């Protein structure tokens, strides 16, 4: 009987680091974290059943990508953003993601269209607060399936960096009042892609991003309540109907 070869500890650490990094990165793009949230090494290590070293490496990597911020007093946190920063990111998203969507209309395949349609149907089934986590994950998959169909690796990498910055603000979409608001735009995008109409697909995509951005900006600019007990990051995680009160 041949003994099973045990990988060296360095290899195991690298594997754990990649797993933690990938999960945190995906969580940021899905809106699983809120602006200003502190990421505690010990808690993350417990969640992933690993040691602190792979977690620290993953956090350092995300800080270098500007997805996280290493605060001198608070440690590693999800960056908070001003109205100006959010507006700037949205403007670039509309430009880059709009272009990718327009290009996709000329190169997308039938199986890809069917996969995107299925993701949109799954989103429709998650339009309650209980389904909000899945809703945002399916939303990211819906968009990135389109961007992959554009056949531009460089563009997709840029878009991923943008979503790392914008993702935490998508947390406001977890409210029952806001879930499902982009589905009409998704239907328009799908119809345009099926028709090979890149201009119309781009227009619907930009409208989808812009409407979501309006809610983010309202949450970011909402004044604190008179009691002062609700922080900006807490307001960002609320549905807009609550955050703006």
Foldseek 3Di string as FASTA:
>chain_A
DDDDDDDDPVVVLVVLLVVLLVVVLLCLLLQVAFAFAADDQVVSCVVSVHDSVSVVVSLVVCVVLVLWPQDPPRGIGGHDDALVVLVVLLVVCLVLLLVLLLLLLVQPDPVLLVVLVVLLVVLVVQLALVSLSVNSSSVVVSSVSSSVSSVDPVSSVVNSSSSSNCRNLCLLCSHSVNRPPLSVLSVQLSVCSVVSNSVSNSVSVSVSSVVSSVLSSLLNPADADPVNPQDSRNLSNHHSVVSND
